[in-house]
Amino acid sequence: MTGSKPLAGLLVVSMEQAVAAPYCASRLADAGARVIKIEREEGDFARAYDAVAKGQSSYFVWLNRGKESLCLDIKAPADKALLERLLKKADVFIQNLAPGAMARAGFGSAALRAKHPRLITVDISGYGEEGEYASMKAYDLLVQAESGLAHVTGRAEGPGRVGVSACDIACGMHSYAAVLEALIERGITGSGKGIAVSLFDGMADWMSVPLLQYEGTGKNPPRIGLAHPSICPYGAFETKDGQLVLIAIQNEREWASFSEHFLDEAGLPHRDGFRSNNERVANRPMVDAHIARVFAGLTRADCAAKLRRANTAYGFVNDCEGLRTHPALRRVEVETPKGPVAIGAPPAVLSDGPRALGPVPAIGQHSAAIRAEFAAG
């Protein structure tokens, strides 16, 4: 059974590059919208990020399935006129060029909506359209640093980068959700809407808890790697065969069960330094060392069996091979110009079955057909 495509019949024009805008547009394409991706003649620069997916960029393959590629130079009068004809028929227009660039080219979002009242416009930026940061380049790692994300990530020795493009992805997710809301609203009112989302705002939303913690205590949340600043035991321990197992004890009932069935020390919760979470946090080095000795004598399989018996929350600290072979991982194949590539499946599991995902386009693959379809008449 193939899943339905609820956005079938909608036209999305996306002047996009990199990650955030392509993420948003790819999800609209998955849901059935026709997405025309506008690229420079040399293509979206994300096409050259790496060459690991059958000689193609992993980023590009992941984020550009199901789109049509149209190469345009909007400084050329004929191409500018073609874009105007596309937008006349579009339902959604997405762009993530530098702030003000589209307005200077004659395609500012407010002006477009005045001309096409049903159009939904999406302006994606690094730090918003106004203020001293508006002109700043805003690559993902820079925004991780500016938003405080890097400061709360990593170990005590120093800040760390989240290992995926978290700010770009957050921005793309927020943009996609806002477009769906605007489409629902347009179905009621008949009018489009302007949407502006920045990478910084997307991550600032995710950083609400650390921000509130700082304002409430006057202290930055500590960086403690895989441990938890206010719960003990909560962290990673190495097994006899060199695997890392992460455990999470949430309350005294779980601690008692862990002590009895994993540590084989039913009386441990009554000893000094081990009696309550507050005591354990104050004596974390001692508590962790005590637990680590038990893990060090057991294999990964032994640990899993005993932790299940203790009803303790646990997980293995996997590398990418662990992810690749994980029993919960779902994969789907997308067609690319160089053959099929398996990616992680879309997260939402739909009752009417998985949706077929469209192919990844070559640079300008659809230029001739689109030019013919939207020729001046």
Foldseek 3Di string as FASTA:
>chain_A
DADAQVLAPAEEEEADADFQRLQLQQVNLLSHYAYEYEAALVGRCQQVPDLPFLGTRPRQQVRFWRYHFAYADLVDPVRVVLVVLSLLRHQEYEYEDQQPPCVVSVRDPVVSCVVVFNHAYEYEYAPDNDDPCSRPHHQQQNLCVVLCVQVQEDAQVGGDDDPDSVLSHLQNVVRNVVVVVQVVVCVVVVGGYYHYTHSNVSVNVVCVVQVVVCVVPVDGQGHHHQQDLQFPPFGWAAALVGWIKTWDDDAPLLVQLCCCQQVVHNCQCVDQQNVGRVSVSVVVVVRVVSVNVSRNHHDPVRNVVSCVSSVTDMDTPDDVVCVVPPPPFDWDWAAEPSGIGIDTAPPDADPVGYHDIHHRDDHNNCNVVSCVVSPDD
